[in-house]
Amino acid sequence: MAIKRIRVRNFKSFKDLEVELGKFNVLIGANASGKSNFIRIFEFLRDIVKHGLDNAISMQGGSEYLRNISIGSSEDFSLEVVSDQRSRELIRLEEKGSSEMKTYETIYKFTINFNKTGSEFKILEDKITQKCKFVRLEGKKEELQEKEELGEGEFLFSNVEGKLKVDLKLTAELPITKDDIFPRILGEVKIPPKTLLIELPLFPFILP
């Protein structure tokens, strides 16, 4: 699993930065060109997972040092990470065969609004999108093989006012629902204030 693309807005020296990443990446640039601040994007993500969003902001020196000086509170801070995280999930056992969900890309994005003084912030957007393919399997349980691709879809996990919302979007009329894959108990998950989805133990796979 690796990060393929990252985009950040209103972060330190970056007003709006989008970078495509490969398997091997080298940062080259003059002094004060933003190399250190680019590394701090990943440090900020790491600190959120380990210490929580509020503490991670403080570890950057507070919102005053987190945001771009020329933008300040006039625009929201946002960060988007796209990874090639892959997984396979057997979602249905039938007499005629089984179905499987194959995740091939995961997108995580959150947006924060700071007040003018920077003393308070509000999470405006916090969501995980998993792109996946659905395939039909045939054979015995121990020797299942892919028979045909049924279609594609997206799973969306959103932090909506402190509650976890789960949605499924399909590109074809497939007889699959979100309850076939994820237990309904996920809809009862409550998220503490000022907490992002990547802080929850439910989503350890988001960042490599």
Protein backbone atom coordinates (compact mmCIF):
# COMPACT_ATOMS: atom_id res chain seq x y z
CA MET A 1 0.00 0.00 0.00
CA ALA A 2 1.35 3.44 -0.97
CA ILE A 3 0.12 7.02 -1.26
CA LYS A 4 -0.42 7.89 -4.95
CA ARG A 5 -1.53 11.49 -4.67
CA ILE A 6 -1.79 14.16 -2.02
CA ARG A 7 -3.46 17.57 -2.09
CA VAL A 8 -3.34 20.21 0.62
CA ARG A 9 -4.79 23.72 0.82
CA ASN A 10 -3.88 26.53 3.19
CA PHE A 11 -1.01 24.67 4.88
CA LYS A 12 2.14 26.57 5.86
CA SER A 13 3.85 27.81 2.67
CA PHE A 14 1.33 26.07 0.39
CA LYS A 15 -1.81 27.80 -0.83
CA ASP A 16 -2.93 24.86 -2.98
CA LEU A 17 -0.55 21.98 -3.60
CA GLU A 18 -1.27 18.75 -5.47
CA VAL A 19 1.44 16.13 -5.98
CA GLU A 20 1.40 12.78 -7.76
CA LEU A 21 3.68 10.27 -6.05
CA GLY A 22 5.43 7.21 -7.42
CA LYS A 23 7.17 4.24 -5.86
CA PHE A 24 10.35 6.27 -5.36
CA ASN A 25 10.30 10.06 -4.86
CA VAL A 26 13.07 12.64 -4.44
CA LEU A 27 12.54 16.21 -3.20
CA ILE A 28 14.71 18.73 -5.02
CA GLY A 29 14.60 22.50 -4.57
CA ALA A 30 16.32 25.62 -3.30
CA ASN A 31 16.36 26.62 0.33
CA ALA A 32 12.96 27.86 1.59
CA SER A 33 11.21 26.30 -1.42
CA GLY A 34 8.88 24.20 0.75
CA LYS A 35 10.65 20.84 1.00
CA SER A 36 10.45 20.73 4.80
CA ASN A 37 6.82 21.82 4.79
CA PHE A 38 6.00 19.03 2.34
CA ILE A 39 7.43 16.50 4.80
CA ARG A 40 5.39 18.12 7.57
CA ILE A 41 2.19 17.17 5.74
CA PHE A 42 2.95 13.52 6.43
CA GLU A 43 4.09 14.30 9.97
CA PHE A 44 0.78 16.09 10.57
CA LEU A 45 -1.18 13.05 9.38
CA ARG A 46 0.92 10.76 11.56
CA ASP A 47 0.36 12.98 14.60
CA ILE A 48 -3.41 13.01 14.02
CA VAL A 49 -3.52 9.21 14.07
CA LYS A 50 -1.25 8.92 17.10
CA HIS A 51 -2.28 11.90 19.21
CA GLY A 52 -5.59 13.23 17.86
CA LEU A 53 -6.42 16.25 15.71
CA ASP A 54 -6.38 18.86 18.49
CA ASN A 55 -2.96 17.76 19.71
CA ALA A 56 -1.62 17.45 16.16
CA ILE A 57 -2.50 21.09 15.48
CA SER A 58 -0.73 22.12 18.69
CA MET A 59 2.34 20.10 17.69
CA GLN A 60 2.53 22.21 14.51
CA GLY A 61 2.67 25.33 16.69
CA GLY A 62 -1.07 25.98 16.65
CA SER A 63 -3.35 27.06 13.82
CA GLU A 64 -1.35 30.27 13.34
CA TYR A 65 1.66 28.23 12.17
CA LEU A 66 -0.38 25.51 10.47
CA ARG A 67 -2.13 27.82 8.02
CA ASN A 68 -0.65 29.76 5.12
CA ILE A 69 0.26 33.25 6.36
CA SER A 70 -1.16 35.10 3.35
CA ILE A 71 -4.46 33.18 3.45
CA GLY A 72 -5.07 32.81 7.20
CA SER A 73 -8.68 32.24 8.13
CA SER A 74 -10.06 33.55 4.82
CA GLU A 75 -10.03 30.00 3.41
CA ASP A 76 -10.50 26.58 4.98
CA PHE A 77 -7.69 24.10 5.49
CA SER A 78 -8.14 20.82 3.60
CA LEU A 79 -6.09 17.68 3.03
CA GLU A 80 -6.76 14.81 0.63
CA VAL A 81 -4.80 11.57 0.38
CA VAL A 82 -5.25 8.94 -2.35
CA SER A 83 -3.73 5.50 -1.78
CA ASP A 84 -3.65 2.25 -3.73
CA GLN A 85 -4.88 0.32 -0.68
CA ARG A 86 -6.23 -3.05 -1.83
CA SER A 87 -8.38 -5.60 -0.07
CA ARG A 88 -10.71 -8.48 -0.88
CA GLU A 89 -13.94 -9.19 0.95
CA LEU A 90 -16.20 -12.21 0.47
CA ILE A 91 -19.63 -10.66 0.77
CA ARG A 92 -22.15 -13.35 -0.09
CA LEU A 93 -22.30 -17.12 -0.15
CA GLU A 94 -24.90 -18.62 -2.48
CA GLU A 95 -25.74 -22.07 -3.77
CA LYS A 96 -24.74 -20.99 -7.27
CA GLY A 97 -21.60 -19.17 -6.24
CA SER A 98 -20.16 -16.33 -4.20
CA SER A 99 -19.57 -12.62 -4.69
CA GLU A 100 -16.49 -10.68 -3.75
CA MET A 101 -15.64 -7.01 -3.30
CA LYS A 102 -12.15 -5.98 -4.45
CA THR A 103 -11.03 -2.56 -3.22
CA TYR A 104 -8.40 -0.94 -5.45
CA GLU A 105 -8.26 2.71 -4.32
CA THR A 106 -8.96 4.63 -1.12
CA ILE A 107 -9.45 8.40 -0.88
CA TYR A 108 -9.45 10.23 2.42
CA LYS A 109 -10.29 13.93 2.73
CA PHE A 110 -10.99 16.31 5.56
CA THR A 111 -11.64 20.05 5.71
CA ILE A 112 -11.29 22.30 8.76
CA ASN A 113 -12.54 25.83 9.33
CA PHE A 114 -10.64 27.95 11.84
CA ASN A 115 -12.10 31.06 13.44
CA LYS A 116 -10.32 34.38 12.90
CA THR A 117 -8.21 34.09 16.03
CA GLY A 118 -7.40 30.44 15.34
CA SER A 119 -8.37 29.45 18.85
CA GLU A 120 -11.26 27.24 17.70
CA PHE A 121 -11.91 25.05 14.70
CA LYS A 122 -14.75 23.08 13.17
CA ILE A 123 -14.59 19.95 11.03
CA LEU A 124 -16.56 20.75 7.86
CA GLU A 125 -15.81 17.58 5.91
CA ASP A 126 -14.44 14.19 6.91
CA LYS A 127 -14.92 11.29 4.54
CA ILE A 128 -13.41 8.08 3.21
CA THR A 129 -14.18 6.83 -0.30
CA GLN A 130 -13.26 3.29 -1.29
CA LYS A 131 -13.44 2.39 -4.97
CA CYS A 132 -14.12 -1.28 -5.60
CA LYS A 133 -15.07 -3.93 -8.12
CA PHE A 134 -17.59 -6.71 -7.57
CA VAL A 135 -16.93 -10.12 -9.08
CA ARG A 136 -18.80 -13.41 -9.15
CA LEU A 137 -16.93 -16.46 -7.90
CA GLU A 138 -17.45 -20.12 -8.61
CA GLY A 139 -16.11 -23.30 -7.11
CA LYS A 140 -15.88 -24.84 -3.69
CA LYS A 141 -15.28 -22.63 -0.69
CA GLU A 142 -11.61 -23.63 -0.55
CA GLU A 143 -11.06 -23.17 -4.31
CA LEU A 144 -13.13 -20.15 -5.36
CA GLN A 145 -12.19 -18.60 -8.70
CA GLU A 146 -13.25 -15.39 -10.43
CA LYS A 147 -15.91 -16.05 -13.06
CA GLU A 148 -16.98 -12.58 -14.19
CA GLU A 149 -16.91 -8.93 -13.19
CA LEU A 150 -20.35 -7.73 -12.07
CA GLY A 151 -19.68 -4.00 -11.86
CA GLU A 152 -17.99 -1.25 -9.89
CA GLY A 153 -18.99 0.79 -6.90
CA GLU A 154 -17.91 3.18 -4.17
CA PHE A 155 -18.24 2.91 -0.43
CA LEU A 156 -18.46 6.23 1.37
CA PHE A 157 -17.85 6.67 5.08
CA SER A 158 -18.69 10.15 6.38
CA ASN A 159 -18.49 11.92 9.69
CA VAL A 160 -21.85 13.70 9.85
CA GLU A 161 -22.29 15.73 13.02
CA GLY A 162 -20.54 13.13 15.13
CA LYS A 163 -22.21 10.08 13.57
CA LEU A 164 -20.75 7.60 11.11
CA LYS A 165 -22.73 7.49 7.87
CA VAL A 166 -22.17 4.62 5.42
CA ASP A 167 -23.32 4.79 1.78
CA LEU A 168 -22.87 2.55 -1.26
CA LYS A 169 -22.93 3.80 -4.85
CA LEU A 170 -23.09 1.22 -7.63
CA THR A 171 -22.44 1.73 -11.35
CA ALA A 172 -24.69 -1.20 -12.22
CA GLU A 173 -27.92 -2.62 -10.85
CA LEU A 174 -26.33 -5.19 -8.58
CA PRO A 175 -28.28 -7.11 -5.93
CA ILE A 176 -25.86 -5.91 -3.24
CA THR A 177 -26.50 -3.59 -0.31
CA LYS A 178 -24.16 -2.03 2.22
CA ASP A 179 -25.60 -4.37 4.87
CA ASP A 180 -24.26 -7.33 2.87
CA ILE A 181 -20.74 -6.07 3.50
CA PHE A 182 -20.73 -3.99 6.68
CA PRO A 183 -22.73 -4.71 9.84
CA ARG A 184 -25.57 -2.34 10.64
CA ILE A 185 -23.91 -1.59 13.96
CA LEU A 186 -21.57 0.76 12.07
CA GLY A 187 -24.49 3.15 11.73
CA GLU A 188 -24.60 3.45 15.50
CA VAL A 189 -20.97 4.53 15.87
CA LYS A 190 -20.62 7.93 17.53
CA ILE A 191 -17.56 10.07 16.85
CA PRO A 192 -16.27 12.35 19.64
CA PRO A 193 -16.07 16.11 18.96
CA LYS A 194 -12.97 17.34 17.10
CA THR A 195 -12.17 13.76 16.07
CA LEU A 196 -11.45 12.57 12.53
CA LEU A 197 -12.28 9.20 11.00
CA ILE A 198 -8.59 8.25 10.73
CA GLU A 199 -8.37 8.41 14.53
CA LEU A 200 -10.93 5.62 14.91
CA PRO A 201 -9.76 1.99 15.24
CA LEU A 202 -12.34 1.10 12.57
CA PHE A 203 -10.10 2.52 9.84
CA PRO A 204 -6.51 1.41 10.42
CA PHE A 205 -6.03 0.87 6.69
CA ILE A 206 -6.37 4.47 5.51
CA LEU A 207 -2.73 5.52 5.83
CA PRO A 208 0.32 3.35 5.12
